N, C-alpha and C. Protein backbone atom coordinates (compact mmCIF):
# COMPACT_ATOMS: atom_id res chain seq x y z
N UNK A 1 120.38 145.28 41.04
CA UNK A 1 120.54 143.94 41.73
C UNK A 1 119.13 143.47 41.12
N UNK A 2 118.84 142.46 41.51
CA UNK A 2 117.08 141.88 40.82
C UNK A 2 116.64 141.26 42.28
N UNK A 3 116.07 141.23 42.79
CA UNK A 3 115.17 140.74 43.73
C UNK A 3 114.56 139.55 43.07
N UNK A 4 114.46 138.89 45.04
CA UNK A 4 113.86 138.03 44.43
C UNK A 4 112.83 137.11 44.66
N UNK A 5 111.76 138.67 45.20
CA UNK A 5 110.70 138.87 45.61
C UNK A 5 109.77 138.23 44.04
N UNK A 6 110.48 139.18 42.66
CA UNK A 6 109.78 139.39 41.27
C UNK A 6 110.25 138.52 40.95
N UNK A 7 111.36 137.66 41.27
CA UNK A 7 111.05 136.71 39.91
C UNK A 7 109.96 135.57 40.39
N UNK A 8 109.81 135.65 42.09
CA UNK A 8 108.69 134.97 42.39
C UNK A 8 106.84 135.30 42.29
N UNK A 9 107.18 136.44 42.39
CA UNK A 9 106.07 136.53 42.18
C UNK A 9 105.10 136.59 40.71
N UNK A 10 105.83 136.64 39.43
CA UNK A 10 106.47 136.68 38.13
C UNK A 10 106.23 135.46 37.95
N UNK A 11 106.71 133.87 38.60
CA UNK A 11 106.21 132.72 38.82
C UNK A 11 104.96 132.21 39.01
N UNK A 12 104.39 133.56 39.84
CA UNK A 12 103.14 132.58 40.49
C UNK A 12 101.71 133.64 39.97
N UNK A 13 102.34 134.64 38.91
CA UNK A 13 101.46 135.14 38.10
C UNK A 13 101.22 134.43 36.69
N UNK A 14 102.52 133.64 36.27
CA UNK A 14 102.05 132.91 35.20
C UNK A 14 101.49 131.57 35.81
N UNK A 15 100.80 131.10 37.06
CA UNK A 15 100.07 129.97 36.71
C UNK A 15 99.05 130.70 37.59
N UNK A 16 98.86 132.24 37.71
CA UNK A 16 97.74 132.39 38.67
C UNK A 16 96.29 132.10 37.51
N UNK A 17 96.39 131.96 36.35
CA UNK A 17 95.92 131.41 34.74
C UNK A 17 95.06 130.93 34.71
N UNK A 18 95.47 129.63 35.04
CA UNK A 18 95.66 128.32 35.66
C UNK A 18 94.26 127.49 35.15
N UNK A 19 94.18 126.66 34.19
CA UNK A 19 91.90 125.85 35.51
C UNK A 19 92.37 125.08 35.53
N UNK A 20 91.81 124.50 36.09
CA UNK A 20 92.46 123.36 37.16
C UNK A 20 91.25 121.92 36.61
N UNK A 21 90.59 122.16 35.53
CA UNK A 21 89.26 121.65 34.20
C UNK A 21 90.02 120.95 33.87
N UNK A 22 89.49 119.13 34.27
CA UNK A 22 89.72 117.65 33.41
C UNK A 22 89.53 117.89 31.71
N UNK A 23 90.58 118.61 31.44
CA UNK A 23 90.10 118.15 29.59
C UNK A 23 88.80 116.95 28.78
N UNK A 24 88.46 117.18 27.90
CA UNK A 24 87.83 116.23 26.94
C UNK A 24 88.35 117.23 25.89
N UNK A 25 87.85 115.50 24.92
CA UNK A 25 88.43 116.29 23.80
C UNK A 25 87.19 116.15 23.60
N UNK A 26 87.44 117.70 22.49
CA UNK A 26 86.75 118.36 21.41
C UNK A 26 86.62 118.26 20.29
N UNK A 27 85.28 117.56 19.34
CA UNK A 27 84.91 117.42 17.65
C UNK A 27 86.24 117.63 16.62
N UNK A 28 86.93 116.95 16.26
CA UNK A 28 88.02 117.01 15.74
C UNK A 28 89.48 117.26 16.38
N UNK A 29 89.53 116.91 17.37
CA UNK A 29 91.00 117.29 18.89
C UNK A 29 91.14 115.90 18.70
N UNK A 30 92.72 115.77 18.68
CA UNK A 30 92.79 114.26 18.31
C UNK A 30 93.38 114.58 20.00
N UNK A 31 92.95 113.46 21.45
CA UNK A 31 93.57 113.10 22.12
C UNK A 31 93.01 112.19 22.88
N UNK A 32 94.71 112.30 23.85
CA UNK A 32 94.70 110.97 24.63
C UNK A 32 94.40 110.93 25.72
N UNK A 33 93.89 109.84 26.39
CA UNK A 33 93.33 109.99 27.41
C UNK A 33 95.07 108.79 28.63
N UNK A 34 94.43 109.78 29.35
CA UNK A 34 96.40 109.35 30.36
C UNK A 34 95.62 109.72 31.69
N UNK A 35 96.17 108.80 32.14
CA UNK A 35 96.48 108.77 33.63
C UNK A 35 97.69 109.16 35.00
N UNK A 36 97.15 109.95 36.01
CA UNK A 36 98.30 110.32 36.75
C UNK A 36 98.44 109.04 37.85
N UNK A 37 99.87 108.87 38.51
CA UNK A 37 99.90 107.82 38.62
C UNK A 37 100.27 108.86 40.58
N UNK A 38 100.54 109.63 40.36
CA UNK A 38 101.79 109.97 41.65
C UNK A 38 100.39 110.89 42.64
N UNK A 39 100.44 111.54 43.72
CA UNK A 39 100.18 111.67 44.64
C UNK A 39 99.91 113.16 45.33
N UNK A 40 99.75 113.94 44.50
CA UNK A 40 99.81 114.94 45.62
C UNK A 40 99.07 115.89 43.64
N UNK A 41 98.78 116.60 43.78
CA UNK A 41 98.47 116.94 42.75
C UNK A 41 100.28 118.61 41.68
N UNK A 42 99.75 117.91 40.79
CA UNK A 42 100.84 118.49 40.10
C UNK A 42 100.10 120.04 38.34
N UNK A 43 101.38 120.92 37.98
CA UNK A 43 100.73 120.85 36.85
C UNK A 43 102.12 120.69 35.73
N UNK A 44 101.64 120.51 34.83
CA UNK A 44 102.53 120.58 34.05
C UNK A 44 102.56 120.74 32.77
N UNK A 45 103.22 121.58 31.38
CA UNK A 45 103.18 122.92 30.90
C UNK A 45 104.04 121.31 29.60
N UNK A 46 102.82 121.12 28.79
CA UNK A 46 102.77 120.71 27.72
C UNK A 46 104.21 121.13 26.21
N UNK A 47 105.05 120.07 26.41
CA UNK A 47 106.02 120.38 25.81
C UNK A 47 106.32 121.34 24.17
N UNK A 48 104.43 120.66 24.05
CA UNK A 48 104.98 120.83 22.11
C UNK A 48 103.35 122.66 21.92
N UNK A 49 102.94 122.33 22.79
CA UNK A 49 101.12 123.01 23.04
C UNK A 49 101.70 124.65 23.71
N UNK A 50 102.50 124.07 24.93
CA UNK A 50 102.58 124.58 25.46
C UNK A 50 100.96 124.43 26.02
N UNK A 51 99.96 124.03 26.41
CA UNK A 51 99.42 123.72 27.68
C UNK A 51 99.45 122.96 28.70
N UNK A 52 99.19 123.93 29.98
CA UNK A 52 99.65 123.79 30.61
C UNK A 52 98.13 122.50 31.43
N UNK A 53 98.60 121.53 31.94
CA UNK A 53 97.02 120.32 32.79
C UNK A 53 97.98 120.54 34.71
N UNK A 54 96.40 120.23 34.59
CA UNK A 54 96.55 120.03 36.16
C UNK A 54 95.83 119.07 36.59
N UNK A 55 96.98 118.00 36.58
CA UNK A 55 96.65 116.94 37.68
C UNK A 55 96.89 116.70 39.17
N UNK A 56 95.07 115.65 39.42
CA UNK A 56 95.16 115.42 41.13
C UNK A 56 95.23 114.39 40.91
N UNK A 57 95.35 113.59 42.10
CA UNK A 57 94.38 112.30 42.92
C UNK A 57 93.04 111.54 42.46
N UNK A 58 93.37 112.41 43.34
CA UNK A 58 91.12 112.46 43.29
C UNK A 58 90.84 112.52 41.91
N UNK A 59 91.56 112.61 40.69
CA UNK A 59 90.96 112.40 39.14
C UNK A 59 92.04 112.49 38.38
N UNK A 60 92.58 111.05 38.60
CA UNK A 60 93.66 111.15 37.39
C UNK A 60 93.74 110.86 36.49
N UNK A 61 92.61 110.58 35.63
CA UNK A 61 92.15 110.50 34.24
C UNK A 61 92.55 112.40 33.42
N UNK A 62 92.60 112.30 32.79
CA UNK A 62 92.76 113.46 31.49
C UNK A 62 93.02 113.63 29.82
N UNK A 63 92.54 113.83 29.52
CA UNK A 63 92.00 114.18 28.00
C UNK A 63 93.62 115.25 27.66
N UNK A 64 94.98 115.17 26.64
CA UNK A 64 96.10 115.81 26.16
C UNK A 64 95.82 115.54 25.84
N UNK A 65 96.78 116.92 24.67
CA UNK A 65 97.31 117.22 23.46
C UNK A 65 97.65 115.65 22.80
N UNK A 66 97.47 114.82 21.55
CA UNK A 66 98.39 114.16 20.78
C UNK A 66 99.89 114.15 21.68
N UNK A 67 99.69 115.47 20.86
CA UNK A 67 101.40 115.74 20.26
C UNK A 67 101.93 116.18 21.53
N UNK A 68 101.47 116.29 22.58
CA UNK A 68 102.51 116.21 24.04
C UNK A 68 102.53 115.01 24.64
N UNK A 69 102.12 114.48 24.17
CA UNK A 69 101.49 112.52 25.43
C UNK A 69 102.79 111.63 25.33
N UNK A 70 103.63 111.23 24.16
CA UNK A 70 105.50 111.12 23.56
C UNK A 70 105.51 112.00 24.79
N UNK A 71 105.74 112.61 25.27
CA UNK A 71 107.33 113.22 26.06
C UNK A 71 106.70 113.20 27.26
N UNK A 72 104.68 113.96 27.64
CA UNK A 72 104.53 113.40 29.18
C UNK A 72 104.78 111.98 29.64
N UNK A 73 104.74 111.07 28.52
CA UNK A 73 103.90 109.78 29.32
C UNK A 73 105.86 109.46 29.73
N UNK A 74 107.06 109.55 28.85
CA UNK A 74 107.99 109.42 28.99
C UNK A 74 108.99 109.55 31.18
N UNK A 75 108.18 110.17 31.48
CA UNK A 75 108.45 111.49 32.40
C UNK A 75 108.20 109.49 33.55
N UNK A 76 107.37 108.99 33.64
CA UNK A 76 106.67 108.13 35.37
C UNK A 76 106.15 108.93 35.76
N UNK A 77 104.90 108.99 35.59
CA UNK A 77 104.09 110.27 36.56
C UNK A 77 102.97 109.65 36.20
N UNK A 78 102.73 108.71 34.92
CA UNK A 78 101.62 109.33 33.98
C UNK A 78 101.76 108.43 32.70
N UNK A 79 100.56 107.37 32.67
CA UNK A 79 100.75 106.92 31.56
C UNK A 79 99.61 106.47 31.35
N UNK A 80 99.33 105.54 29.95
CA UNK A 80 97.62 105.81 29.16
C UNK A 80 96.85 104.70 30.46
N UNK A 81 95.28 105.31 29.82
CA UNK A 81 94.58 104.67 30.80
C UNK A 81 94.48 103.75 30.13
């Protein structure tokens, strides 16, 4: 029988190495600037790249990989900046 503590610890470890820096486009990288519309900080995993994006109300604009943009924009929490 599994223990919920192990599942909780595994989930915590998954995000332990997530950077909360705002990303900027690098030369040769196709990025899309989007704006977070929410009121509290969230982590969102890009469905195509697997990159974890950290959004905060105080820094709502962020460059994301163009491959993740269409799906993330459909959430209603983000829009093009």
